[in-house]
Amino acid sequence: MKLARLAEAAGIAIEGGEDIAVSGFAIDHRKVAPGTVFGAFQGSAVNGEDYISQAVAAGAVAVVAQPEATVEGAVHIAEDTPRRAFALLAAQYFTPVPKTIVAVTGTNGKTSTVEMTRQLWRMAGERAASIGTLGVTTPDESVSTGLTTPDIVTFLSNMSGLAREGVTHVAYEASSHGLSQYRNEGLPVAAAAFTNFSRDHLDYHGTMDEYFEAKMRLFDEVVDAGGTAVVWTGNSEWTAQAIERARQRELRLFTVGEQGEDIRLRARTPTQLGQELEIEHAGETRKLRLPLIGEYQVANALTAAGLAIATGTDPAAVWDGVSRLQPVRGRLERAVITATGAPVYVDYAHTPDALEAALAALRPHVEGRLLCIFGAGGDRDTGKRAPMGEVASRMADAVIVTDDNPRGEDPAAIRGQVLEGAGDNAREMADRREAIREVIESAAAKDIVLIAGKGHETGQIIGSGENMRVEPFDDVQVARECAAQISKNAWGATE
């Protein structure tokens, strides 16, 4: 494809390029081959402009960079916002794409909502996929791991690859980082959802207002004009602002929740293995059985239902699908039931709000004690550590603060900051495996255990830079191993 044609389709003005053939796109100069369009962006740690000459030497035919950048030997596509221009160009190259695409933003619930949307589409007969923290989940349930929002080249390449495999529907997570860095631009997004908003990533965004503005790019710029904004109606000033932003853009508003006008949650009753819901949609009241525990799973499931209905799925098929939804990896995933009969759940909660939501989800099912293990990541927002300690101590009966991806920080210092917010029912134990083993061993028949923080992750990140290493660690697997060993020891003791 010719560069001039790509630029015209993307609405970007360039000089020349009619005879320049484009063979690919790259934002890493080491991946440049002859015919590549290179994106040279200024990042927090690396400045891509420093590698322009190397990219050109490797065969780059055009460089997208700020106007003041020096580009010799290739077409300089000079843009004040080079990440966005690069994304728009790349989106014209990576075709075809699935015909129905939706995106989900919010602090918590993105992963579950996109995966539940995929499940609802699949159960309605569509070939559907999801992209997010869990990676790419395809119609045959296979998963390739990845970042919440991969780089724009990977993202668009994945989308095009899915379309070539016959996928027609895709739901993807739109993280604040991805939105602020234009990592998911240029595609036709029919509907976008806003789940909730609370403190996270302030080490990157600085303030809550800046964090919210990053999220709102989804409504302001990414979703199609005339598209649908699906909003979970919580009692939050941020939710009200999200609704207002959708109205300002003149998007079709589809609200869900206890105050929802399109899907209204009338009642919720916890059961042993899930919950019974009474909802109202299109003037009709119906009762559903959701086979997932936790109030916030209701929000995720009904928001996913809203996305499916907003994109044309038959509501009857959607409600039938809700009753058959499967749990998402690492999201209140039941890892094991101990020999005493105590269920052990693993959840990705790593913010104060998410931890509170996970504990609140389990509390109605607890007849004995609610036991919690969690930690806080290193080289991340330090301001959320003490609040996480406060939440855990207040919501659980006994708490162990352990290590969770300490990265380049002193693990003991991180634990200390968490414990500053905790009460007398909290203590620390550095070794995460030993902490899990101890709490499982102490859990009685009517207790419930929550292991929070890592969720689907399969490694413990220690150190940073050149000294960083990832040690294998899967909370679900470790919980099962510990429970099995404790059970074996108990049987051995009785023989």
Protein backbone atom coordinates (compact mmCIF):
# COMPACT_ATOMS: atom_id res chain seq x y z
CA MET A 1 0.00 0.00 0.00
CA LYS A 2 1.29 3.48 -0.87
CA LEU A 3 2.11 5.97 1.87
CA ALA A 4 0.12 8.80 0.25
CA ARG A 5 -2.99 6.65 0.12
CA LEU A 6 -2.66 5.69 3.79
CA ALA A 7 -2.21 9.32 4.79
CA GLU A 8 -5.22 10.46 2.77
CA ALA A 9 -7.43 7.78 4.32
CA ALA A 10 -6.22 8.77 7.79
CA GLY A 11 -6.87 12.46 7.14
CA ILE A 12 -3.19 13.36 7.52
CA ALA A 13 -1.50 15.82 5.17
CA ILE A 14 1.96 14.88 3.88
CA GLU A 15 4.15 15.99 1.00
CA GLY A 16 4.97 13.25 -1.51
CA GLY A 17 4.64 9.56 -0.78
CA GLU A 18 2.72 8.63 -3.93
CA ASP A 19 5.40 6.15 -4.99
CA ILE A 20 6.51 4.99 -1.53
CA ALA A 21 5.35 1.48 -0.69
CA VAL A 22 4.66 0.69 2.98
CA SER A 23 5.38 -2.81 4.26
CA GLY A 24 4.72 -2.35 7.96
CA PHE A 25 4.70 -0.18 11.08
CA ALA A 26 7.00 -0.18 14.13
CA ILE A 27 7.61 1.85 17.28
CA ASP A 28 10.78 -0.08 18.15
CA HIS A 29 13.70 0.76 15.86
CA ARG A 30 14.96 -2.82 16.25
CA LYS A 31 11.83 -4.07 14.47
CA VAL A 32 12.18 -1.78 11.46
CA ALA A 33 12.52 -3.44 8.04
CA PRO A 34 12.62 -1.91 4.55
CA GLY A 35 9.32 -0.14 3.88
CA THR A 36 8.42 0.45 7.54
CA VAL A 37 6.73 3.55 8.94
CA PHE A 38 8.53 4.32 12.21
CA GLY A 39 6.85 6.04 15.16
CA ALA A 40 9.31 8.15 17.15
CA PHE A 41 7.66 9.15 20.42
CA GLN A 42 8.93 10.86 23.53
CA GLY A 43 8.30 8.58 26.51
CA SER A 44 8.93 8.84 30.23
CA ALA A 45 12.05 6.67 30.04
CA VAL A 46 13.00 6.50 26.34
CA ASN A 47 12.85 9.10 23.58
CA GLY A 48 12.11 7.42 20.26
CA GLU A 49 13.50 10.44 18.42
CA ASP A 50 16.98 9.33 19.52
CA TYR A 51 16.62 6.29 17.24
CA ILE A 52 15.35 7.95 14.08
CA SER A 53 18.66 7.67 12.22
CA GLN A 54 18.95 3.98 13.11
CA ALA A 55 15.40 3.35 11.94
CA VAL A 56 16.06 5.09 8.62
CA ALA A 57 19.28 3.11 8.18
CA ALA A 58 17.26 -0.08 8.72
CA GLY A 59 14.85 0.87 5.93
CA ALA A 60 12.18 3.15 7.41
CA VAL A 61 10.50 5.06 4.58
CA ALA A 62 8.65 7.51 6.85
CA VAL A 63 8.95 8.73 10.42
CA VAL A 64 6.04 10.06 12.46
CA ALA A 65 7.45 12.53 14.98
CA GLN A 66 7.01 16.00 16.37
CA PRO A 67 7.72 18.89 13.96
CA GLU A 68 11.00 19.82 15.67
CA ALA A 69 12.45 16.30 15.29
CA THR A 70 15.30 15.82 12.81
CA VAL A 71 14.50 13.33 10.04
CA GLU A 72 16.87 12.74 7.13
CA GLY A 73 16.52 10.12 4.43
CA ALA A 74 12.80 9.44 4.98
CA VAL A 75 9.50 11.29 4.83
CA HIS A 76 8.95 13.29 8.01
CA ILE A 77 5.29 13.14 9.01
CA ALA A 78 5.37 16.06 11.40
CA GLU A 79 2.56 16.08 13.96
CA ASP A 80 2.11 17.77 17.33
CA THR A 81 0.50 14.54 18.56
CA PRO A 82 2.60 11.92 16.77
CA ARG A 83 1.19 8.93 18.69
CA ARG A 84 -2.31 9.70 17.44
CA ALA A 85 -1.18 10.32 13.86
CA PHE A 86 0.79 7.08 13.84
CA ALA A 87 -2.23 5.17 15.15
CA LEU A 88 -4.53 6.62 12.50
CA LEU A 89 -2.07 5.73 9.75
CA ALA A 90 -1.53 2.21 11.07
CA ALA A 91 -5.28 1.65 11.32
CA GLN A 92 -5.54 2.16 7.54
CA TYR A 93 -2.85 -0.46 6.97
CA PHE A 94 -4.05 -3.23 9.31
CA THR A 95 -7.25 -4.34 7.60
CA PRO A 96 -9.77 -5.89 7.66
CA VAL A 97 -11.05 -5.55 11.23
CA PRO A 98 -14.04 -7.18 12.98
CA LYS A 99 -17.33 -5.51 12.09
CA THR A 100 -18.46 -5.00 15.72
CA ILE A 101 -15.98 -3.57 18.23
CA VAL A 102 -16.69 -2.32 21.75
CA ALA A 103 -14.38 -0.93 24.43
CA VAL A 104 -14.55 -0.82 28.22
CA THR A 105 -12.87 1.66 30.55
CA GLY A 106 -13.02 2.27 34.31
CA THR A 107 -10.79 1.59 37.28
CA ASN A 108 -12.13 -1.87 38.09
CA GLY A 109 -14.14 -4.46 36.18
CA LYS A 110 -12.70 -3.97 32.71
CA THR A 111 -11.30 -7.48 32.36
CA SER A 112 -14.44 -9.22 33.58
CA THR A 113 -16.74 -7.01 31.51
CA VAL A 114 -14.95 -7.54 28.18
CA GLU A 115 -14.68 -11.29 28.78
CA MET A 116 -18.34 -11.54 29.81
CA THR A 117 -19.31 -9.56 26.70
CA ARG A 118 -17.35 -12.07 24.62
CA GLN A 119 -19.13 -14.96 26.34
CA LEU A 120 -22.57 -13.42 25.77
CA TRP A 121 -21.85 -12.87 22.09
CA ARG A 122 -20.48 -16.41 21.74
CA MET A 123 -23.52 -17.94 23.41
CA ALA A 124 -25.71 -15.94 21.02
CA GLY A 125 -23.92 -17.55 18.07
CA GLU A 126 -21.32 -14.91 17.17
CA ARG A 127 -17.61 -15.55 16.59
CA ALA A 128 -16.27 -13.28 19.33
CA ALA A 129 -12.99 -12.44 21.03
CA SER A 130 -11.77 -10.22 23.85
CA ILE A 131 -8.51 -8.31 24.33
CA GLY A 132 -7.17 -7.13 27.68
CA THR A 133 -5.25 -8.01 30.81
CA LEU A 134 -5.80 -11.72 30.23
CA GLY A 135 -4.48 -11.35 26.67
CA VAL A 136 -6.44 -12.29 23.56
CA THR A 137 -9.25 -14.78 24.18
CA THR A 138 -10.53 -16.27 20.93
CA PRO A 139 -13.79 -18.05 20.04
CA ASP A 140 -12.25 -21.45 20.83
CA GLU A 141 -11.42 -20.21 24.37
CA SER A 142 -7.66 -20.16 23.75
CA VAL A 143 -5.79 -17.34 25.47
CA SER A 144 -2.52 -15.63 24.58
CA THR A 145 -1.27 -13.43 27.41
CA GLY A 146 -0.62 -9.73 27.05
CA LEU A 147 -0.84 -6.25 28.53
CA THR A 148 -4.12 -4.52 29.41
CA THR A 149 -3.69 -2.38 26.30
CA PRO A 150 -0.82 -3.56 24.06
CA ASP A 151 1.15 -1.16 21.87
CA ILE A 152 -0.76 0.18 18.90
CA VAL A 153 1.00 -2.02 16.33
CA THR A 154 0.30 -5.20 18.30
CA PHE A 155 -3.26 -4.10 19.00
CA LEU A 156 -4.12 -3.36 15.37
CA SER A 157 -2.29 -6.46 14.13
CA ASN A 158 -4.28 -8.58 16.58
CA MET A 159 -7.54 -7.02 15.42
CA SER A 160 -6.76 -7.65 11.77
CA GLY A 161 -5.61 -11.19 12.51
CA LEU A 162 -8.84 -11.95 14.36
CA ALA A 163 -10.90 -10.63 11.46
CA ARG A 164 -8.99 -12.84 9.01
CA GLU A 165 -9.83 -15.81 11.24
CA GLY A 166 -13.53 -15.02 10.94
CA VAL A 167 -14.03 -13.14 14.23
CA THR A 168 -16.83 -10.61 13.85
CA HIS A 169 -17.17 -9.25 17.42
CA VAL A 170 -14.41 -7.98 19.73
CA ALA A 171 -14.54 -6.38 23.18
CA TYR A 172 -11.33 -4.76 24.44
CA GLU A 173 -10.11 -3.05 27.58
CA ALA A 174 -9.31 0.64 27.18
CA SER A 175 -6.94 1.46 30.02
CA SER A 176 -6.07 5.00 31.04
CA HIS A 177 -2.47 4.43 29.91
CA GLY A 178 -3.63 3.10 26.56
CA LEU A 179 -6.05 5.97 26.03
CA SER A 180 -3.54 8.67 26.97
CA GLN A 181 -0.91 7.08 24.71
CA TYR A 182 -3.27 6.51 21.75
CA ARG A 183 -2.78 2.73 21.82
CA ASN A 184 -6.27 1.89 20.52
CA GLU A 185 -7.10 4.53 17.93
CA GLY A 186 -8.50 4.50 14.45
CA LEU A 187 -10.97 1.61 14.67
CA PRO A 188 -14.77 1.80 14.38
CA VAL A 189 -15.95 1.46 18.01
CA ALA A 190 -19.71 0.97 18.09
CA ALA A 191 -20.15 1.15 21.87
CA ALA A 192 -18.06 1.99 24.91
CA ALA A 193 -18.66 1.24 28.58
CA PHE A 194 -17.66 3.05 31.78
CA THR A 195 -17.66 0.73 34.81
CA ASN A 196 -16.56 2.85 37.79
CA PHE A 197 -13.82 5.22 38.91
CA SER A 198 -11.57 5.29 41.96
CA ARG A 199 -7.96 5.94 42.89
CA ASP A 200 -5.28 4.15 40.86
CA HIS A 201 -2.29 4.95 38.64
CA LEU A 202 -1.70 8.37 40.17
CA ASP A 203 2.02 7.68 39.88
CA TYR A 204 1.45 8.11 36.13
CA HIS A 205 -1.46 10.55 35.85
CA GLY A 206 -0.67 12.76 38.85
CA THR A 207 -4.20 13.72 39.90
CA MET A 208 -7.66 12.15 39.90
CA ASP A 209 -8.84 14.78 37.42
CA GLU A 210 -6.06 13.93 34.97
CA TYR A 211 -6.73 10.22 35.44
CA PHE A 212 -10.43 10.78 34.71
CA GLU A 213 -9.65 12.87 31.62
CA ALA A 214 -7.57 10.01 30.26
CA LYS A 215 -10.54 7.67 30.73
CA MET A 216 -12.92 10.11 29.08
CA ARG A 217 -11.00 10.11 25.81
CA LEU A 218 -12.98 6.93 25.16
CA PHE A 219 -16.26 8.87 25.11
CA ASP A 220 -14.83 12.13 23.78
CA GLU A 221 -12.84 10.81 20.81
CA VAL A 222 -12.56 7.04 20.42
CA VAL A 223 -16.14 5.75 20.21
CA ASP A 224 -17.90 6.44 16.91
CA ALA A 225 -19.97 9.57 16.54
CA GLY A 226 -23.51 8.39 17.15
CA GLY A 227 -22.24 5.34 19.03
CA THR A 228 -23.47 4.12 22.40
CA ALA A 229 -22.12 4.89 25.88
CA VAL A 230 -23.00 2.17 28.40
CA VAL A 231 -22.63 3.46 31.96
CA TRP A 232 -23.01 1.62 35.25
CA THR A 233 -24.92 4.05 37.47
CA GLY A 234 -23.12 4.19 40.79
CA ASN A 235 -23.59 6.89 43.41
CA SER A 236 -20.49 8.74 42.29
CA GLU A 237 -19.74 12.23 41.03
CA TRP A 238 -17.46 10.59 38.46
CA THR A 239 -20.33 8.52 37.08
CA ALA A 240 -22.42 11.67 36.73
CA GLN A 241 -19.56 13.35 34.89
CA ALA A 242 -19.17 10.36 32.56
CA ILE A 243 -22.86 10.51 31.72
CA GLU A 244 -22.59 14.23 31.03
CA ARG A 245 -19.59 13.69 28.73
CA ALA A 246 -21.58 11.12 26.75
CA ARG A 247 -24.42 13.62 26.41
CA GLN A 248 -22.07 16.37 25.28
CA ARG A 249 -20.80 14.09 22.52
CA GLU A 250 -24.44 13.23 21.68
CA LEU A 251 -23.79 9.53 22.10
CA ARG A 252 -26.70 7.21 22.69
CA LEU A 253 -26.82 6.77 26.48
CA PHE A 254 -27.51 3.29 27.88
CA THR A 255 -27.53 3.28 31.68
CA VAL A 256 -27.38 0.16 33.84
CA GLY A 257 -27.77 -0.45 37.59
CA GLU A 258 -30.10 0.37 40.45
CA GLN A 259 -30.71 3.78 38.85
CA GLY A 260 -30.38 2.48 35.31
CA GLU A 261 -32.96 3.59 32.77
CA ASP A 262 -32.20 0.83 30.25
CA ILE A 263 -31.35 -2.08 32.54
CA ARG A 264 -32.53 -1.58 36.11
CA LEU A 265 -31.40 -3.86 38.91
CA ARG A 266 -34.44 -4.28 41.16
CA ALA A 267 -33.12 -6.85 43.64
CA ARG A 268 -30.12 -9.07 44.34
CA THR A 269 -30.09 -12.10 46.64
CA PRO A 270 -26.83 -13.99 47.39
CA THR A 271 -27.01 -17.80 47.15
CA GLN A 272 -24.47 -20.46 48.00
CA LEU A 273 -22.92 -20.55 44.53
CA GLY A 274 -24.10 -17.30 43.01
CA GLN A 275 -26.99 -14.85 43.25
CA GLU A 276 -30.53 -14.33 42.10
CA LEU A 277 -31.29 -11.08 40.28
CA GLU A 278 -34.47 -9.25 39.46
CA ILE A 279 -34.00 -6.85 36.59
CA GLU A 280 -36.17 -4.65 34.41
CA HIS A 281 -35.47 -4.14 30.72
CA ALA A 282 -37.68 -2.76 27.95
CA GLY A 283 -40.64 -2.54 30.33
CA GLU A 284 -40.40 -6.18 31.33
CA THR A 285 -39.32 -7.54 34.73
CA ARG A 286 -37.50 -10.85 34.84
CA LYS A 287 -35.59 -12.99 37.32
CA LEU A 288 -32.13 -14.34 36.55
CA ARG A 289 -29.68 -16.66 38.22
CA LEU A 290 -26.12 -15.38 37.96
CA PRO A 291 -23.68 -18.23 38.69
CA LEU A 292 -21.07 -15.83 40.13
CA ILE A 293 -20.69 -14.44 43.63
CA GLY A 294 -20.13 -10.78 44.46
CA GLU A 295 -22.10 -7.59 44.04
CA TYR A 296 -19.55 -6.16 41.64
CA GLN A 297 -19.90 -9.24 39.42
CA VAL A 298 -23.52 -8.16 38.97
CA ALA A 299 -22.26 -4.80 37.72
CA ASN A 300 -19.83 -6.49 35.33
CA ALA A 301 -22.43 -8.93 34.02
CA LEU A 302 -25.16 -6.34 33.48
CA THR A 303 -22.73 -3.87 31.88
CA ALA A 304 -21.67 -6.65 29.51
CA ALA A 305 -25.34 -7.34 28.82
CA GLY A 306 -25.77 -3.66 28.00
CA LEU A 307 -22.91 -3.78 25.49
CA ALA A 308 -24.32 -6.90 23.85
CA ILE A 309 -27.83 -5.46 23.58
CA ALA A 310 -26.49 -2.08 22.38
CA THR A 311 -24.69 -3.82 19.52
CA GLY A 312 -27.72 -5.72 18.30
CA THR A 313 -27.75 -9.02 20.18
CA ASP A 314 -31.24 -10.38 20.87
CA PRO A 315 -32.06 -9.52 24.52
CA ALA A 316 -33.60 -12.96 25.08
CA ALA A 317 -30.30 -14.56 24.09
CA VAL A 318 -28.42 -12.13 26.32
CA TRP A 319 -30.47 -12.96 29.42
CA ASP A 320 -30.15 -16.66 28.72
CA GLY A 321 -26.39 -16.14 28.45
CA VAL A 322 -26.15 -14.22 31.72
CA SER A 323 -27.41 -17.31 33.55
CA ARG A 324 -24.54 -19.33 32.04
CA LEU A 325 -21.61 -16.93 32.46
CA GLN A 326 -18.33 -18.48 33.55
CA PRO A 327 -15.93 -16.87 36.06
CA VAL A 328 -13.02 -14.93 34.66
CA ARG A 329 -9.48 -16.06 35.47
CA GLY A 330 -8.25 -14.42 38.67
CA ARG A 331 -11.49 -12.56 39.36
CA LEU A 332 -13.03 -14.09 42.50
CA GLU A 333 -11.85 -17.40 41.12
CA ARG A 334 -12.40 -20.28 43.51
CA ALA A 335 -9.01 -21.95 43.64
CA VAL A 336 -9.68 -24.79 46.04
CA ILE A 337 -11.82 -25.98 48.93
CA THR A 338 -9.69 -26.94 51.92
CA ALA A 339 -9.92 -30.27 53.72
CA THR A 340 -12.03 -28.54 56.38
CA GLY A 341 -14.45 -27.26 53.72
CA ALA A 342 -13.31 -23.61 53.55
CA PRO A 343 -13.36 -22.17 50.01
CA VAL A 344 -10.29 -20.22 48.89
CA TYR A 345 -10.79 -17.42 46.36
CA VAL A 346 -8.18 -15.59 44.30
CA ASP A 347 -8.83 -12.05 43.07
CA TYR A 348 -6.84 -9.42 41.15
CA ALA A 349 -7.87 -6.65 43.58
CA HIS A 350 -4.91 -4.27 43.95
CA THR A 351 -6.59 -0.97 44.80
CA PRO A 352 -8.51 0.02 47.96
CA ASP A 353 -11.85 0.03 46.12
CA ALA A 354 -11.23 -3.29 44.40
CA LEU A 355 -10.12 -4.93 47.65
CA GLU A 356 -13.19 -3.61 49.44
CA ALA A 357 -15.42 -4.86 46.62
CA ALA A 358 -13.90 -8.34 46.73
CA LEU A 359 -14.24 -8.61 50.51
CA ALA A 360 -17.77 -7.23 50.39
CA ALA A 361 -18.63 -9.80 47.71
CA LEU A 362 -17.54 -12.66 49.96
CA ARG A 363 -18.95 -11.39 53.27
CA PRO A 364 -22.59 -12.47 52.68
CA HIS A 365 -21.38 -16.05 52.19
CA VAL A 366 -19.29 -16.18 55.39
CA GLU A 367 -20.64 -17.98 58.44
CA GLY A 368 -17.30 -18.09 60.26
CA ARG A 369 -14.31 -15.83 59.58
CA LEU A 370 -13.23 -13.96 56.46
CA LEU A 371 -9.45 -14.34 56.11
CA CYS A 372 -7.45 -12.12 53.75
CA ILE A 373 -3.93 -12.22 52.31
CA PHE A 374 -2.68 -9.37 50.12
CA GLY A 375 0.23 -7.05 49.39
CA ALA A 376 1.02 -3.92 47.39
CA GLY A 377 3.19 -3.62 44.30
CA GLY A 378 6.51 -1.80 44.32
CA ASP A 379 7.33 1.18 42.07
CA ARG A 380 3.63 2.01 41.93
CA ASP A 381 1.26 4.50 43.60
CA THR A 382 2.40 4.58 47.24
CA GLY A 383 -0.63 6.57 48.37
CA LYS A 384 -2.97 3.59 48.08
CA ARG A 385 -1.00 1.31 50.42
CA ALA A 386 -2.26 2.50 53.82
CA PRO A 387 -5.87 2.74 52.54
CA MET A 388 -5.60 -0.87 51.37
CA GLY A 389 -4.46 -1.85 54.86
CA GLU A 390 -7.40 0.01 56.38
CA VAL A 391 -9.91 -1.64 54.06
CA ALA A 392 -8.58 -5.14 54.64
CA SER A 393 -8.46 -4.72 58.41
CA ARG A 394 -11.98 -3.30 58.51
CA MET A 395 -13.60 -5.78 56.13
CA ALA A 396 -11.82 -9.03 57.08
CA ASP A 397 -11.55 -10.81 60.42
CA ALA A 398 -7.86 -11.64 60.07
CA VAL A 399 -5.29 -10.21 57.64
CA ILE A 400 -1.81 -11.19 56.51
CA VAL A 401 0.15 -8.54 54.61
CA THR A 402 2.70 -10.20 52.34
CA ASP A 403 4.78 -9.41 49.26
CA ASP A 404 3.25 -8.74 45.83
CA ASN A 405 5.62 -7.74 43.02
CA PRO A 406 7.98 -5.60 45.15
CA ARG A 407 10.01 -4.70 42.03
CA GLY A 408 12.75 -2.22 42.91
CA GLU A 409 11.52 -1.29 46.38
CA ASP A 410 12.34 -2.75 49.78
CA PRO A 411 9.54 -5.29 50.39
CA ALA A 412 9.61 -4.69 54.15
CA ALA A 413 9.09 -0.96 53.60
CA ILE A 414 6.08 -1.65 51.37
CA ARG A 415 4.54 -3.96 53.96
CA GLY A 416 5.16 -1.34 56.62
CA GLN A 417 3.30 1.32 54.64
CA VAL A 418 0.36 -1.03 54.18
CA LEU A 419 0.31 -1.88 57.89
CA GLU A 420 0.22 1.83 58.80
CA GLY A 421 -3.44 1.81 57.77
CA ALA A 422 -4.30 -1.58 59.25
CA GLY A 423 -5.62 -2.51 62.68
CA ASP A 424 -4.67 -5.05 65.31
CA ASN A 425 -6.09 -7.94 63.29
CA ALA A 426 -3.34 -7.57 60.67
CA ARG A 427 0.20 -8.92 60.67
CA GLU A 428 2.94 -9.32 58.10
CA MET A 429 4.62 -12.35 56.58
CA ALA A 430 7.15 -11.75 53.82
CA ASP A 431 7.02 -15.13 52.09
CA ARG A 432 3.79 -15.22 50.05
CA ARG A 433 3.74 -19.02 49.76
CA GLU A 434 4.16 -19.44 53.51
CA ALA A 435 1.44 -16.86 54.14
CA ILE A 436 -0.96 -18.76 51.88
CA ARG A 437 -0.06 -22.08 53.49
CA GLU A 438 -0.55 -20.71 57.00
CA VAL A 439 -3.95 -19.14 56.37
CA ILE A 440 -5.24 -22.24 54.54
CA GLU A 441 -4.09 -24.40 57.41
CA SER A 442 -5.88 -22.18 59.93
CA ALA A 443 -9.16 -21.93 57.97
CA ALA A 444 -12.07 -23.69 59.62
CA ALA A 445 -15.15 -25.20 57.99
CA LYS A 446 -17.25 -22.04 57.87
CA ASP A 447 -14.40 -19.67 57.01
CA ILE A 448 -13.63 -18.15 53.60
CA VAL A 449 -10.14 -17.20 52.40
CA LEU A 450 -9.37 -14.37 49.97
CA ILE A 451 -5.93 -14.17 48.33
CA ALA A 452 -5.86 -10.75 46.68
CA GLY A 453 -3.57 -8.81 44.41
CA LYS A 454 -2.09 -11.12 41.77
CA GLY A 455 -5.20 -12.74 40.34
CA HIS A 456 -4.31 -14.23 36.94
CA GLU A 457 -0.62 -13.32 37.18
CA THR A 458 1.86 -16.19 37.11
CA GLY A 459 5.02 -14.46 38.33
CA GLN A 460 6.45 -12.46 41.23
CA ILE A 461 8.42 -9.43 39.97
CA ILE A 462 11.52 -8.72 42.04
CA GLY A 463 14.08 -6.00 41.31
CA SER A 464 14.06 -3.43 38.54
CA GLY A 465 15.98 -2.55 35.40
CA GLU A 466 18.78 -4.95 34.58
CA ASN A 467 18.37 -6.60 37.98
CA MET A 468 14.69 -7.41 37.49
CA ARG A 469 13.67 -11.06 37.62
CA VAL A 470 10.30 -12.78 37.49
CA GLU A 471 9.95 -15.80 39.73
CA PRO A 472 7.13 -18.23 38.86
CA PHE A 473 4.19 -17.70 41.21
CA ASP A 474 0.52 -18.43 40.56
CA ASP A 475 -1.79 -17.81 43.54
CA VAL A 476 -4.31 -20.40 42.32
CA GLN A 477 -1.68 -23.07 41.81
CA VAL A 478 0.07 -22.29 45.10
CA ALA A 479 -3.23 -22.42 47.01
CA ARG A 480 -4.00 -25.83 45.53
CA GLU A 481 -0.52 -27.13 46.31
CA CYS A 482 -0.67 -25.87 49.88
CA ALA A 483 -4.14 -27.32 50.45
CA ALA A 484 -3.07 -30.69 49.04
CA GLN A 485 0.05 -30.81 51.20
CA ILE A 486 -1.86 -29.84 54.35
CA SER A 487 -4.47 -32.49 53.60
CA LYS A 488 -1.75 -35.10 52.98
CA ASN A 489 -0.01 -34.21 56.24
CA ALA A 490 -3.31 -34.43 58.10
CA TRP A 491 -4.03 -37.91 56.70
CA GLY A 492 -0.49 -38.96 57.54
CA ALA A 493 -0.92 -37.77 61.11
CA THR A 494 -4.03 -39.93 61.58
CA GLU A 495 -2.51 -43.13 60.23
